Amino acid sequence: MLCLITCGSFAQHLATINGTTVSSKEFTWFYKKNHQGNAPASVKELEGYLDLYINFRLKAIDARQQGLDRDTAYLAEVREFEATLKNQKRHSASKPDNTYLLNEYKDAVLMFNLTEKRVWGKAQNDEAGLRAYFDTNKGKYGGASLDEVRDKVVNDYQQQLEDQWVAELRKKYPVKIEQDELRKLAKR
């Protein structure tokens, strides 16, 4: 059974992303939050989720590098969420849980804002890029015209843009995973 946070305190570092460590405790909090039940997690499942988590964090780092964390609308949204957390009537969440939740929220808003700009909006508004993607990948669409399969092409183009962006981020920002620590998590 993956016994994460309830099994006691541990502060081993699972990964380092652009010089910032991710503790095993932090990662398992996010994993448990997004995976229901108490079924054991295999190393492969944890690796897959860690890969998604790292991509998420890389996008947030990139947004900070671009100054999106200084945007007044972003700052107001974060302040409002933080106030909501502080004013919650139920105090069942621990301080680390609230810290993780607030950090996740901050990163999610940054990631969303930059993904809107770099991926979603671009795929919707870049007609030349969309046309070029379609022309290169016509075989995937069974001879249909771009107009007939536009939604599918937009979706596929978004995925390509995101994959390219993540590849750029992984080159730009160093990532190191502690495989031994990941294997330990699978045994808990």
Protein backbone atom coordinates (compact mmCIF):
# COMPACT_ATOMS: atom_id res chain seq x y z
CA MET A 1 0.00 0.00 0.00
CA LEU A 2 1.26 3.48 -0.80
CA CYS A 3 1.16 4.92 2.70
CA LEU A 4 2.36 8.40 1.85
CA ILE A 5 1.81 11.22 4.34
CA THR A 6 0.24 9.20 7.11
CA CYS A 7 3.28 6.98 7.58
CA GLY A 8 5.31 9.64 9.27
CA SER A 9 7.61 12.40 8.35
CA PHE A 10 10.24 11.98 5.71
CA ALA A 11 12.18 14.68 3.95
CA GLN A 12 14.05 12.86 1.25
CA HIS A 13 14.34 14.68 -2.02
CA LEU A 14 12.61 12.97 -4.90
CA ALA A 15 13.62 15.39 -7.62
CA THR A 16 15.32 18.67 -8.32
CA ILE A 17 13.75 21.02 -10.86
CA ASN A 18 15.87 23.97 -11.90
CA GLY A 19 17.70 23.88 -8.57
CA THR A 20 14.54 23.60 -6.45
CA THR A 21 14.02 20.33 -4.63
CA VAL A 22 10.79 18.38 -4.54
CA SER A 23 10.50 16.39 -1.33
CA SER A 24 9.00 12.95 -1.28
CA LYS A 25 6.40 14.27 1.15
CA GLU A 26 5.37 17.08 -1.21
CA PHE A 27 5.13 14.77 -4.21
CA THR A 28 3.15 12.11 -2.35
CA TRP A 29 0.72 14.77 -1.11
CA PHE A 30 0.02 15.73 -4.73
CA TYR A 31 -0.16 12.10 -5.81
CA LYS A 32 -2.65 11.15 -3.10
CA LYS A 33 -4.71 14.27 -3.74
CA ASN A 34 -5.17 13.21 -7.37
CA HIS A 35 -5.46 9.43 -6.93
CA GLN A 36 -8.33 7.96 -4.97
CA GLY A 37 -8.14 4.82 -2.92
CA ASN A 38 -5.34 3.06 -1.13
CA ALA A 39 -4.20 0.71 -3.86
CA PRO A 40 -0.46 0.22 -4.11
CA ALA A 41 1.30 2.40 -6.65
CA SER A 42 3.92 0.81 -8.82
CA VAL A 43 7.18 2.49 -9.71
CA LYS A 44 5.88 2.83 -13.26
CA GLU A 45 2.70 4.61 -12.09
CA LEU A 46 4.72 6.94 -9.87
CA GLU A 47 7.17 7.66 -12.70
CA GLY A 48 4.30 8.56 -15.01
CA TYR A 49 2.74 10.90 -12.47
CA LEU A 50 6.11 12.41 -11.57
CA ASP A 51 6.70 13.13 -15.25
CA LEU A 52 3.37 15.01 -15.42
CA TYR A 53 4.13 16.80 -12.17
CA ILE A 54 7.55 17.91 -13.42
CA ASN A 55 6.02 19.21 -16.65
CA PHE A 56 3.48 21.15 -14.58
CA ARG A 57 6.21 22.66 -12.42
CA LEU A 58 8.39 23.49 -15.46
CA LYS A 59 5.54 25.45 -17.03
CA ALA A 60 5.07 27.40 -13.80
CA ILE A 61 8.82 28.13 -13.65
CA ASP A 62 8.70 29.34 -17.24
CA ALA A 63 5.75 31.60 -16.41
CA ARG A 64 7.69 33.09 -13.49
CA GLN A 65 10.70 33.62 -15.73
CA GLN A 66 8.43 35.59 -18.04
CA GLY A 67 7.17 37.71 -15.15
CA LEU A 68 3.61 36.43 -15.13
CA ASP A 69 3.80 36.09 -11.35
CA ARG A 70 4.02 39.89 -11.11
CA ASP A 71 0.81 40.47 -13.08
CA THR A 72 -1.71 42.40 -10.98
CA ALA A 73 -4.64 40.15 -11.93
CA TYR A 74 -2.61 37.06 -10.97
CA LEU A 75 -1.57 38.60 -7.64
CA ALA A 76 -5.17 39.56 -6.83
CA GLU A 77 -6.39 36.05 -7.66
CA VAL A 78 -3.75 34.48 -5.42
CA ARG A 79 -4.56 36.87 -2.55
CA GLU A 80 -8.24 35.98 -2.85
CA PHE A 81 -7.50 32.25 -2.78
CA GLU A 82 -5.16 32.67 0.18
CA ALA A 83 -7.83 34.62 2.07
CA THR A 84 -10.35 31.88 1.30
CA LEU A 85 -7.99 29.28 2.72
CA LYS A 86 -7.45 31.32 5.88
CA ASN A 87 -11.17 31.93 6.36
CA GLN A 88 -12.31 28.37 5.95
CA LYS A 89 -14.52 27.31 8.82
CA ARG A 90 -13.20 23.78 8.89
CA HIS A 91 -9.63 23.53 10.09
CA SER A 92 -9.06 19.91 9.22
CA ALA A 93 -6.29 20.71 6.78
CA SER A 94 -2.83 20.84 8.28
CA LYS A 95 -0.48 23.74 7.72
CA PRO A 96 1.66 21.72 5.26
CA ASP A 97 -1.50 20.73 3.38
CA ASN A 98 -2.54 24.38 3.09
CA THR A 99 0.98 25.34 1.99
CA TYR A 100 0.97 22.63 -0.68
CA LEU A 101 -2.51 23.63 -1.77
CA LEU A 102 -1.59 27.31 -2.04
CA ASN A 103 1.60 26.51 -3.95
CA GLU A 104 -0.33 24.22 -6.27
CA TYR A 105 -2.88 26.95 -6.89
CA LYS A 106 -0.21 29.57 -7.63
CA ASP A 107 1.57 27.24 -10.05
CA ALA A 108 -1.70 26.13 -11.67
CA VAL A 109 -2.78 29.70 -12.41
CA LEU A 110 0.65 30.53 -13.85
CA MET A 111 0.70 27.33 -15.90
CA PHE A 112 -2.83 27.93 -17.17
CA ASN A 113 -2.09 31.52 -18.18
CA LEU A 114 1.06 30.64 -20.08
CA THR A 115 -0.47 27.51 -21.65
CA GLU A 116 -3.34 29.66 -22.90
CA LYS A 117 -0.83 31.91 -24.62
CA ARG A 118 1.67 29.29 -25.85
CA VAL A 119 -0.64 26.42 -26.78
CA TRP A 120 -4.41 26.86 -26.70
CA GLY A 121 -4.66 30.37 -28.08
CA LYS A 122 -1.93 29.81 -30.61
CA ALA A 123 -3.57 26.69 -32.02
CA GLN A 124 -6.90 28.51 -32.27
CA ASN A 125 -5.54 31.73 -33.80
CA ASP A 126 -2.52 30.69 -35.87
CA GLU A 127 -4.24 29.77 -39.12
CA ALA A 128 -0.94 29.45 -41.02
CA GLY A 129 0.53 27.17 -38.35
CA LEU A 130 -2.65 25.10 -38.24
CA ARG A 131 -2.70 24.78 -42.03
CA ALA A 132 1.00 23.77 -42.07
CA TYR A 133 0.35 21.17 -39.35
CA PHE A 134 -2.61 19.79 -41.29
CA ASP A 135 -0.67 19.67 -44.57
CA THR A 136 2.19 17.80 -42.89
CA ASN A 137 -0.16 15.30 -41.24
CA LYS A 138 -2.92 14.84 -43.84
CA GLY A 139 -2.60 11.06 -43.67
CA LYS A 140 -3.91 11.06 -40.10
CA TYR A 141 -7.24 12.52 -41.24
CA GLY A 142 -8.29 10.02 -43.90
CA GLY A 143 -8.43 12.43 -46.82
CA ALA A 144 -10.83 14.83 -45.10
CA SER A 145 -10.45 18.56 -45.61
CA LEU A 146 -9.21 20.82 -42.84
CA ASP A 147 -12.70 22.27 -42.46
CA GLU A 148 -14.18 18.79 -41.97
CA VAL A 149 -11.73 17.83 -39.20
CA ARG A 150 -10.80 21.24 -37.82
CA ASP A 151 -11.51 20.38 -34.18
CA LYS A 152 -9.37 17.23 -34.34
CA VAL A 153 -6.57 19.10 -36.12
CA VAL A 154 -6.66 21.92 -33.56
CA ASN A 155 -6.46 19.36 -30.76
CA ASP A 156 -3.55 17.54 -32.40
CA TYR A 157 -1.77 20.83 -33.15
CA GLN A 158 -2.18 21.87 -29.51
CA GLN A 159 -0.62 18.59 -28.43
CA GLN A 160 2.33 19.14 -30.76
CA LEU A 161 2.82 22.69 -29.48
CA GLU A 162 2.70 21.47 -25.88
CA ASP A 163 5.11 18.59 -26.56
CA GLN A 164 7.56 20.99 -28.23
CA TRP A 165 7.25 23.45 -25.35
CA VAL A 166 7.86 20.77 -22.71
CA ALA A 167 10.90 19.52 -24.65
CA GLU A 168 12.26 23.11 -24.70
CA LEU A 169 11.61 23.47 -20.97
CA ARG A 170 13.38 20.20 -20.17
CA LYS A 171 16.43 21.45 -22.08
CA LYS A 172 16.29 24.91 -20.52
CA TYR A 173 15.68 23.93 -16.88
CA PRO A 174 17.64 21.02 -15.41
CA VAL A 175 15.65 18.15 -13.92
CA LYS A 176 17.12 15.38 -11.79
CA ILE A 177 15.07 12.48 -10.45
CA GLU A 178 16.25 10.37 -7.54
CA GLN A 179 15.26 6.92 -8.79
CA ASP A 180 16.12 5.22 -5.48
CA GLU A 181 13.75 7.54 -3.63
CA LEU A 182 11.03 6.90 -6.23
CA ARG A 183 11.41 3.15 -5.73
CA LYS A 184 11.10 3.66 -1.94
CA LEU A 185 7.80 5.47 -2.44
CA ALA A 186 6.40 2.54 -4.38
CA LYS A 187 7.17 0.25 -1.45
CA ARG A 188 5.33 2.34 1.15
